[in-house]
Amino acid sequence: MLPQARPLPSPRAAVTAAFIAYGTSAGLWAGAIPAITRNAGIDNLALGLGITFYGIAYVIIMSWGGKLALIATNRAIILASLPLLALSQTFLFLSSGPAWFLVALIVFGACQGALDLFMNAEGSYVESDLGRPIFTRFHASASAAMALFAIIGSLVIADAGRFWAAAILWLMLLAAFLFIAQRLPGRFSAMARATPGMPAPRLSPLIILGLAAGLVIAGETAAIMWSAKLLDEQAPALLAIAGLGTAFYGLCNACLRFLGDDIRARFGDISLIIGSLLLATVGFAFIGISQSFLFSTVAFALTGFGTACVIPAIFALTAKHMSENRARALGIVALVAGLPRVMAPWFFGWIATLHSTSFAFGLCAVAMAVALGFILLLQVLLRRTAAPVRTPAL
C-alpha cells in the first residue's frame, strides 16, 4: 500500500502566516525608523507628515475593500500584496532623500492596507467556520512577529546595514507567500448574499466603531512608529536597541492576544474593549510624564497590554454586523477611522516638534479616553436596539 499523504494544514494556519508576514514587515520598519530617517534627512515634523500620507494610502485601499471583494478572492489579494509589500518596503529602507522616502512610504502604506483588510476578512470567516473565538490569536501572531523583528530591525540596520534588513524581509515574506499559496482556498469575501426582504444593516454602530478604531489605531501607530524615536532621544547611546519600545509593546500585545479569545468568550467583546482602553489610557499617560529610557520602555509594555485586544474585538464586531460582505463592513469602519488615523501622525509630529515626543504620547492618553467614550455610547445603543418592544395593553 502506498502511504497516505498527510493533510495540509487548515486555512487557519495560512491566515496565521499572513498575520506573521504583516507583523514582520511592521516590526522591521518600526525598528529601523531612526536610522532610515537620519539617512533620508527626515526630522520629526517631516516624519509625521510622511506617516500622514502613509495613513491616507492605507485608508483609501481599505475603503475600496467592498469593491475589491467582488472581483477577487481574499487569497488572490493576500498573495498579490506580499511581494508588493516587500518591494515597496525595500525602497523605503534604501531611501536617501525626503522625496524618495515619502513616495516609498505612501506605496508601502497602500500595500499594508490591502494585506491588513483581506487577511482580517479571511480571518473572520475562519472564526465563523470554526464556531469559536480565534480572532485575537491571529493578531497575537502579528504582534509577536512585530516584537521580534522590531529589535532585529534596529540591530541589523545599526550593525549590518539596510540591505541585510531588506534581505530578511524578502526571506520572511517569500516563505509566507509559498505557505499561503499552497494552503489557503480561494474565497470571495462578498460570497454571502442578503436574502430578499432582509433589512439593511444599520450604519450607526459601524460609524461609532470606526471612530473608536481610528483613535486606537492612531495610538498604536504612535507606539509602533515613534517609540524608537522617543527612546533614541532619551538615550542616544542606545540606538542599537531603540527598537526595544516597539518590541516590548508588541510582545505584551502578543501575550494578551493569545489569551484574548478566552476573555472574549467569557466577558464579550465590548466589556473586553472597555477594560483594555482604561489600561491603555494609563499606559500612554505614563509615557507622557516619563523622562527615563527604562520607565518609558515599561510604559510601552503597559500600552501594549491595553491596546492588545481592542482592534481584534472591533473587527470581530464589525464582521458580525455585516456578514453578507465582511470586507465592505471592515472598509466602512476603516473609512470612518481614516480621519483620526490620518491626521494623528501629522498632529503627533507637530506636537513632538513644538513640545516633546513624550508630551505627544501623553495626548494619546486623551485619545484613548475619547475612544472609551465612543464604546460606552455603542453599548448604550446596542442595549436599546436589543430591548424588546412592549405592546401597550388594550
Protein backbone atom coordinates (compact mmCIF):
# COMPACT_ATOMS: atom_id res chain seq x y z
CA MET A 1 0.00 0.00 0.00
CA LEU A 2 1.13 3.48 -0.77
CA PRO A 3 1.49 5.71 2.27
CA GLN A 4 -1.35 8.17 2.71
CA ALA A 5 -0.46 11.78 2.01
CA ARG A 6 -0.52 13.95 5.10
CA PRO A 7 -3.34 16.50 5.00
CA LEU A 8 -2.30 20.09 4.52
CA PRO A 9 -2.75 22.46 7.45
CA SER A 10 -6.06 24.26 7.76
CA PRO A 11 -6.86 27.71 6.38
CA ARG A 12 -6.32 28.89 9.96
CA ALA A 13 -2.58 28.19 9.60
CA ALA A 14 -2.46 30.07 6.29
CA VAL A 15 -4.19 33.12 7.78
CA THR A 16 -1.78 32.98 10.71
CA ALA A 17 1.10 33.07 8.21
CA ALA A 18 -0.38 36.20 6.63
CA PHE A 19 -0.57 37.91 10.02
CA ILE A 20 3.02 36.89 10.78
CA ALA A 21 4.15 38.37 7.45
CA TYR A 22 2.36 41.62 8.29
CA GLY A 23 3.95 41.73 11.74
CA THR A 24 7.40 41.02 10.29
CA SER A 25 7.07 43.93 7.89
CA ALA A 26 5.76 46.32 10.55
CA GLY A 27 8.44 45.32 13.05
CA LEU A 28 11.39 45.69 10.66
CA TRP A 29 10.13 49.11 9.63
CA ALA A 30 9.50 50.30 13.19
CA GLY A 31 12.90 49.22 14.47
CA ALA A 32 14.67 50.83 11.53
CA ILE A 33 12.90 54.22 11.63
CA PRO A 34 15.65 56.21 13.44
CA ALA A 35 18.38 55.02 11.06
CA ILE A 36 16.23 55.41 7.93
CA THR A 37 15.05 58.92 8.82
CA ARG A 38 18.61 60.02 9.54
CA ASN A 39 19.81 58.66 6.20
CA ALA A 40 16.94 60.37 4.36
CA GLY A 41 17.33 63.67 6.26
CA ILE A 42 13.88 63.47 7.88
CA ASP A 43 13.01 65.41 11.08
CA ASN A 44 10.06 64.86 13.43
CA LEU A 45 7.68 67.11 11.51
CA ALA A 46 8.55 65.57 8.14
CA LEU A 47 8.18 62.07 9.61
CA GLY A 48 4.75 62.97 10.94
CA LEU A 49 3.76 64.32 7.52
CA GLY A 50 5.06 61.20 5.81
CA ILE A 51 3.16 58.91 8.16
CA THR A 52 0.05 61.01 7.47
CA PHE A 53 0.29 60.31 3.72
CA TYR A 54 1.08 56.69 4.56
CA GLY A 55 -2.19 56.58 6.52
CA ILE A 56 -4.15 58.17 3.67
CA ALA A 57 -2.95 55.49 1.26
CA TYR A 58 -3.70 52.80 3.85
CA VAL A 59 -7.25 54.05 4.41
CA ILE A 60 -8.03 54.54 0.70
CA ILE A 61 -7.12 50.95 -0.10
CA MET A 62 -9.11 49.62 2.86
CA SER A 63 -12.14 51.72 1.92
CA TRP A 64 -12.12 50.07 -1.52
CA GLY A 65 -12.41 46.68 0.15
CA GLY A 66 -16.07 46.14 -0.65
CA LYS A 67 -15.47 46.61 -4.38
CA LEU A 68 -12.27 44.59 -4.45
CA ALA A 69 -14.09 41.77 -2.67
CA LEU A 70 -16.46 41.45 -5.62
CA ILE A 71 -13.75 40.91 -8.22
CA ALA A 72 -11.02 38.92 -6.45
CA THR A 73 -10.78 36.32 -3.71
CA ASN A 74 -9.22 37.02 -0.33
CA ARG A 75 -6.44 34.59 -1.26
CA ALA A 76 -5.61 36.38 -4.51
CA ILE A 77 -5.36 39.80 -2.88
CA ILE A 78 -3.31 38.50 0.07
CA LEU A 79 -0.85 36.82 -2.30
CA ALA A 80 -0.58 39.89 -4.54
CA SER A 81 0.03 42.13 -1.52
CA LEU A 82 3.04 40.23 -0.19
CA PRO A 83 5.62 40.82 -2.98
CA LEU A 84 4.37 44.39 -3.47
CA LEU A 85 4.81 45.00 0.25
CA ALA A 86 8.35 43.61 0.19
CA LEU A 87 9.28 45.71 -2.87
CA SER A 88 7.89 48.98 -1.50
CA GLN A 89 9.50 48.44 1.91
CA THR A 90 12.86 47.72 0.28
CA PHE A 91 12.70 51.09 -1.49
CA LEU A 92 11.79 52.63 1.87
CA PHE A 93 14.84 51.08 3.54
CA LEU A 94 17.09 52.38 0.77
CA SER A 95 15.64 55.91 0.62
CA SER A 96 18.30 58.62 0.59
CA GLY A 97 16.20 61.79 0.42
CA PRO A 98 12.83 63.19 1.57
CA ALA A 99 11.06 62.74 -1.79
CA TRP A 100 12.20 59.13 -2.18
CA PHE A 101 11.22 58.44 1.43
CA LEU A 102 7.74 59.96 1.02
CA VAL A 103 6.87 58.10 -2.22
CA ALA A 104 8.09 54.77 -0.85
CA LEU A 105 6.17 55.29 2.40
CA ILE A 106 2.92 56.02 0.53
CA VAL A 107 3.18 52.87 -1.61
CA PHE A 108 4.18 50.90 1.48
CA GLY A 109 1.00 52.11 3.24
CA ALA A 110 -1.20 51.05 0.34
CA CYS A 111 0.30 47.55 0.28
CA GLN A 112 -0.03 47.16 4.04
CA GLY A 113 -3.65 48.33 3.90
CA ALA A 114 -4.59 45.71 1.29
CA LEU A 115 -2.96 42.90 3.25
CA ASP A 116 -4.47 44.12 6.53
CA LEU A 117 -8.02 44.27 5.20
CA PHE A 118 -8.18 40.93 3.44
CA MET A 119 -6.29 38.87 5.99
CA ASN A 120 -8.79 40.17 8.58
CA ALA A 121 -11.74 39.44 6.30
CA GLU A 122 -10.49 35.90 5.72
CA GLY A 123 -9.77 35.52 9.43
CA SER A 124 -13.35 36.43 10.30
CA TYR A 125 -14.62 33.68 8.00
CA VAL A 126 -12.23 31.13 9.52
CA GLU A 127 -13.51 32.08 13.00
CA SER A 128 -17.10 31.73 11.79
CA ASP A 129 -16.35 28.33 10.19
CA LEU A 130 -14.78 27.00 13.41
CA GLY A 131 -17.61 28.35 15.55
CA ARG A 132 -15.37 29.61 18.38
CA PRO A 133 -13.36 32.78 19.07
CA ILE A 134 -9.88 32.67 17.50
CA PHE A 135 -9.59 36.18 16.08
CA THR A 136 -7.28 37.69 18.67
CA ARG A 137 -4.83 34.81 18.21
CA PHE A 138 -4.35 35.90 14.61
CA HIS A 139 -3.47 39.37 15.84
CA ALA A 140 -1.26 37.81 18.53
CA SER A 141 0.88 36.19 15.86
CA ALA A 142 1.29 39.57 14.15
CA SER A 143 2.23 41.25 17.43
CA ALA A 144 4.77 38.54 18.29
CA ALA A 145 6.39 38.87 14.86
CA MET A 146 6.41 42.65 15.18
CA ALA A 147 8.06 42.46 18.61
CA LEU A 148 10.76 40.09 17.40
CA PHE A 149 11.55 41.88 14.15
CA ALA A 150 11.48 45.37 15.68
CA ILE A 151 14.54 44.56 17.73
CA ILE A 152 16.06 42.60 14.83
CA GLY A 153 15.44 45.59 12.55
CA SER A 154 17.20 48.08 14.82
CA LEU A 155 20.15 45.73 15.41
CA VAL A 156 20.59 44.80 11.74
CA ILE A 157 20.27 48.37 10.48
CA ALA A 158 22.79 49.63 13.06
CA ASP A 159 25.37 46.83 12.65
CA ALA A 160 24.96 45.30 9.17
CA GLY A 161 23.13 47.86 7.05
CA ARG A 162 19.90 48.37 5.17
CA PHE A 163 20.49 45.69 2.52
CA TRP A 164 20.56 42.95 5.15
CA ALA A 165 17.31 44.23 6.65
CA ALA A 166 15.73 44.08 3.16
CA ALA A 167 17.07 40.54 2.66
CA ILE A 168 15.47 39.37 5.91
CA LEU A 169 12.18 40.97 4.84
CA TRP A 170 12.17 39.21 1.45
CA LEU A 171 13.04 35.86 3.01
CA MET A 172 10.18 36.02 5.51
CA LEU A 173 7.55 37.30 3.07
CA LEU A 174 8.53 34.81 0.38
CA ALA A 175 8.18 31.95 2.89
CA ALA A 176 4.73 33.27 3.83
CA PHE A 177 3.75 33.57 0.16
CA LEU A 178 4.62 29.93 -0.57
CA PHE A 179 2.92 28.68 2.58
CA ILE A 180 -0.30 30.61 1.92
CA ALA A 181 -0.39 29.75 -1.80
CA GLN A 182 -0.47 26.02 -1.04
CA ARG A 183 -2.89 26.10 1.87
CA LEU A 184 -5.44 28.89 1.59
CA PRO A 185 -8.52 28.19 -0.55
CA GLY A 186 -9.98 30.90 -2.76
CA ARG A 187 -12.98 32.56 -1.17
CA PHE A 188 -14.77 35.77 -2.05
CA SER A 189 -15.34 37.98 0.97
CA ALA A 190 -18.65 39.00 -0.59
CA MET A 191 -19.75 35.43 -1.29
CA ALA A 192 -22.75 35.58 1.03
CA ARG A 193 -25.73 37.45 -0.33
CA ALA A 194 -28.50 39.15 1.55
CA THR A 195 -31.83 37.40 1.26
CA PRO A 196 -34.79 39.28 -0.27
CA GLY A 197 -36.61 41.36 2.30
CA MET A 198 -33.69 41.26 4.73
CA PRO A 199 -33.31 44.66 6.45
CA ALA A 200 -30.14 46.57 5.62
CA PRO A 201 -27.57 46.66 8.41
CA ARG A 202 -27.58 49.86 10.46
CA LEU A 203 -24.54 52.00 9.80
CA SER A 204 -24.51 53.89 13.12
CA PRO A 205 -22.73 51.06 15.02
CA LEU A 206 -20.14 50.88 12.25
CA ILE A 207 -19.60 54.65 12.42
CA ILE A 208 -19.08 54.51 16.19
CA LEU A 209 -16.76 51.52 15.86
CA GLY A 210 -14.84 53.34 13.14
CA LEU A 211 -14.33 56.45 15.26
CA ALA A 212 -13.12 54.38 18.22
CA ALA A 213 -10.90 52.27 15.97
CA GLY A 214 -9.36 55.37 14.39
CA LEU A 215 -8.31 56.76 17.77
CA VAL A 216 -6.94 53.42 18.95
CA ILE A 217 -5.03 52.81 15.71
CA ALA A 218 -3.61 56.32 15.99
CA GLY A 219 -2.29 55.38 19.42
CA GLU A 220 -0.94 52.07 18.15
CA THR A 221 0.74 53.80 15.22
CA ALA A 222 2.37 56.28 17.59
CA ALA A 223 3.63 53.46 19.81
CA ILE A 224 4.98 51.46 16.87
CA MET A 225 6.46 54.25 14.77
CA TRP A 226 7.57 56.76 17.42
CA SER A 227 8.67 54.59 20.34
CA ALA A 228 12.14 54.07 18.87
CA LYS A 229 12.37 57.82 18.23
CA LEU A 230 11.44 58.63 21.85
CA LEU A 231 13.89 56.11 23.31
CA ASP A 232 16.61 57.37 20.95
CA GLU A 233 16.01 60.91 22.25
CA GLN A 234 16.15 59.76 25.87
CA ALA A 235 19.29 57.64 25.39
CA PRO A 236 21.10 58.30 22.07
CA ALA A 237 23.92 55.95 23.03
CA LEU A 238 21.45 53.05 22.93
CA LEU A 239 20.47 53.45 19.26
CA ALA A 240 21.10 49.77 18.57
CA ILE A 241 18.29 48.81 20.99
CA ALA A 242 15.96 51.73 20.24
CA GLY A 243 13.52 49.15 18.88
CA LEU A 244 13.07 47.86 22.43
CA GLY A 245 9.99 50.05 22.99
CA THR A 246 8.26 48.59 19.95
CA ALA A 247 9.49 45.14 20.92
CA PHE A 248 8.06 45.38 24.46
CA TYR A 249 4.85 46.90 23.13
CA GLY A 250 4.45 44.12 20.55
CA LEU A 251 5.45 41.36 22.98
CA CYS A 252 2.84 42.43 25.54
CA ASN A 253 0.32 42.79 22.70
CA ALA A 254 1.03 39.22 21.66
CA CYS A 255 0.91 37.76 25.18
CA LEU A 256 -2.53 39.18 25.92
CA ARG A 257 -3.86 38.46 22.44
CA PHE A 258 -3.06 34.76 22.86
CA LEU A 259 -5.44 34.85 25.84
CA GLY A 260 -7.86 37.31 24.27
CA ASP A 261 -10.22 34.78 22.72
CA ASP A 262 -10.83 33.13 26.07
CA ILE A 263 -11.57 36.55 27.56
CA ARG A 264 -13.90 37.33 24.64
CA ALA A 265 -15.77 34.07 25.17
CA ARG A 266 -16.21 34.78 28.88
CA PHE A 267 -16.92 38.52 29.03
CA GLY A 268 -17.86 39.55 25.48
CA ASP A 269 -16.18 41.90 23.03
CA ILE A 270 -17.49 45.20 24.40
CA SER A 271 -16.54 44.51 28.03
CA LEU A 272 -13.08 43.49 26.85
CA ILE A 273 -12.70 46.72 24.85
CA ILE A 274 -13.75 48.88 27.81
CA GLY A 275 -11.26 47.31 30.21
CA SER A 276 -8.50 47.45 27.62
CA LEU A 277 -9.00 51.14 26.88
CA LEU A 278 -8.80 52.00 30.56
CA LEU A 279 -5.42 50.28 30.74
CA ALA A 280 -4.21 51.91 27.51
CA THR A 281 -5.12 55.36 28.84
CA VAL A 282 -2.97 54.80 31.93
CA GLY A 283 -0.05 53.46 29.86
CA PHE A 284 0.07 56.43 27.49
CA ALA A 285 -0.24 58.84 30.43
CA PHE A 286 2.85 57.23 31.99
CA ILE A 287 4.80 57.67 28.73
CA GLY A 288 3.76 61.31 28.68
CA ILE A 289 5.34 62.02 32.07
CA SER A 290 8.40 59.77 31.64
CA GLN A 291 11.92 61.13 31.32
CA SER A 292 13.63 57.75 31.64
CA PHE A 293 14.54 55.15 28.99
CA LEU A 294 13.65 52.30 31.39
CA PHE A 295 10.38 53.80 32.63
CA SER A 296 9.29 54.60 29.06
CA THR A 297 10.04 51.04 27.97
CA VAL A 298 7.90 49.65 30.81
CA ALA A 299 5.12 52.13 29.96
CA PHE A 300 5.18 50.98 26.32
CA ALA A 301 4.69 47.43 27.62
CA LEU A 302 1.63 48.63 29.57
CA THR A 303 0.11 50.27 26.49
CA GLY A 304 0.80 47.02 24.63
CA PHE A 305 -1.41 45.19 27.13
CA GLY A 306 -4.05 47.93 26.91
CA THR A 307 -4.42 48.08 23.14
CA ALA A 308 -3.87 44.35 22.56
CA CYS A 309 -7.44 43.17 22.10
CA VAL A 310 -9.23 46.38 21.12
CA ILE A 311 -8.83 46.27 17.34
CA PRO A 312 -9.38 42.47 17.02
CA ALA A 313 -12.57 42.80 19.07
CA ILE A 314 -13.72 45.80 16.99
CA PHE A 315 -13.04 43.88 13.78
CA ALA A 316 -14.95 40.86 15.10
CA LEU A 317 -17.96 43.05 15.99
CA THR A 318 -17.74 44.71 12.58
CA ALA A 319 -17.69 41.43 10.64
CA LYS A 320 -20.70 40.11 12.56
CA HIS A 321 -22.68 43.27 11.86
CA MET A 322 -22.47 42.92 8.07
CA SER A 323 -21.87 39.23 7.40
CA GLU A 324 -23.03 39.41 3.76
CA ASN A 325 -19.85 41.34 2.83
CA ARG A 326 -17.33 41.45 5.63
CA ALA A 327 -14.71 43.23 3.59
CA ARG A 328 -17.23 46.02 2.94
CA ALA A 329 -18.03 46.32 6.65
CA LEU A 330 -14.34 46.47 7.51
CA GLY A 331 -13.87 49.00 4.71
CA ILE A 332 -16.60 51.25 6.16
CA VAL A 333 -15.02 51.14 9.59
CA ALA A 334 -11.61 51.85 8.04
CA LEU A 335 -13.02 54.82 6.11
CA VAL A 336 -14.62 56.33 9.23
CA ALA A 337 -11.43 55.64 11.16
CA GLY A 338 -9.50 57.43 8.46
CA LEU A 339 -9.78 60.99 9.77
CA PRO A 340 -8.29 60.43 13.26
CA ARG A 341 -5.93 57.82 11.90
CA VAL A 342 -4.61 60.01 9.10
CA MET A 343 -4.44 63.32 10.95
CA ALA A 344 -2.94 61.93 14.16
CA PRO A 345 0.61 61.27 12.82
CA TRP A 346 0.90 64.80 11.42
CA PHE A 347 -0.51 66.21 14.66
CA PHE A 348 1.82 63.97 16.68
CA GLY A 349 4.85 65.14 14.70
CA TRP A 350 3.81 68.77 15.09
CA ILE A 351 3.34 68.41 18.86
CA ALA A 352 6.62 66.47 19.16
CA THR A 353 8.42 69.28 17.33
CA LEU A 354 6.68 72.04 19.30
CA HIS A 355 6.98 70.42 22.74
CA SER A 356 8.48 66.92 23.01
CA THR A 357 7.84 63.36 21.86
CA SER A 358 6.88 62.30 25.39
CA PHE A 359 4.32 65.13 25.61
CA ALA A 360 2.81 63.98 22.31
CA PHE A 361 2.48 60.48 23.75
CA GLY A 362 0.64 61.99 26.71
CA LEU A 363 -2.01 63.28 24.31
CA CYS A 364 -2.52 59.67 23.16
CA ALA A 365 -3.96 59.03 26.64
CA VAL A 366 -6.65 61.62 25.85
CA ALA A 367 -7.38 59.83 22.55
CA MET A 368 -7.82 56.51 24.38
CA ALA A 369 -10.25 58.15 26.83
CA VAL A 370 -12.32 59.54 23.94
CA ALA A 371 -12.35 56.10 22.27
CA LEU A 372 -13.64 54.67 25.55
CA GLY A 373 -16.48 57.20 25.44
CA PHE A 374 -17.46 56.02 21.93
CA ILE A 375 -17.55 52.38 23.06
CA LEU A 376 -19.74 53.26 26.05
CA LEU A 377 -22.07 55.05 23.61
CA LEU A 378 -22.14 51.95 21.40
CA GLN A 379 -23.01 49.79 24.42
CA VAL A 380 -26.00 52.02 25.19
CA LEU A 381 -27.10 51.96 21.53
CA LEU A 382 -26.90 48.16 21.28
CA ARG A 383 -28.83 47.70 24.52
CA ARG A 384 -31.60 49.97 23.24
CA THR A 385 -31.71 48.09 19.95
CA ALA A 386 -31.87 44.72 21.71
CA ALA A 387 -34.56 45.82 24.17
CA PRO A 388 -37.92 44.17 23.45
CA VAL A 389 -40.67 46.40 22.15
CA ARG A 390 -43.59 46.42 24.59
CA THR A 391 -47.07 46.49 23.12
CA PRO A 392 -49.43 48.62 25.22
CA ALA A 393 -52.31 46.73 26.78
CA LEU A 394 -55.74 47.34 25.29
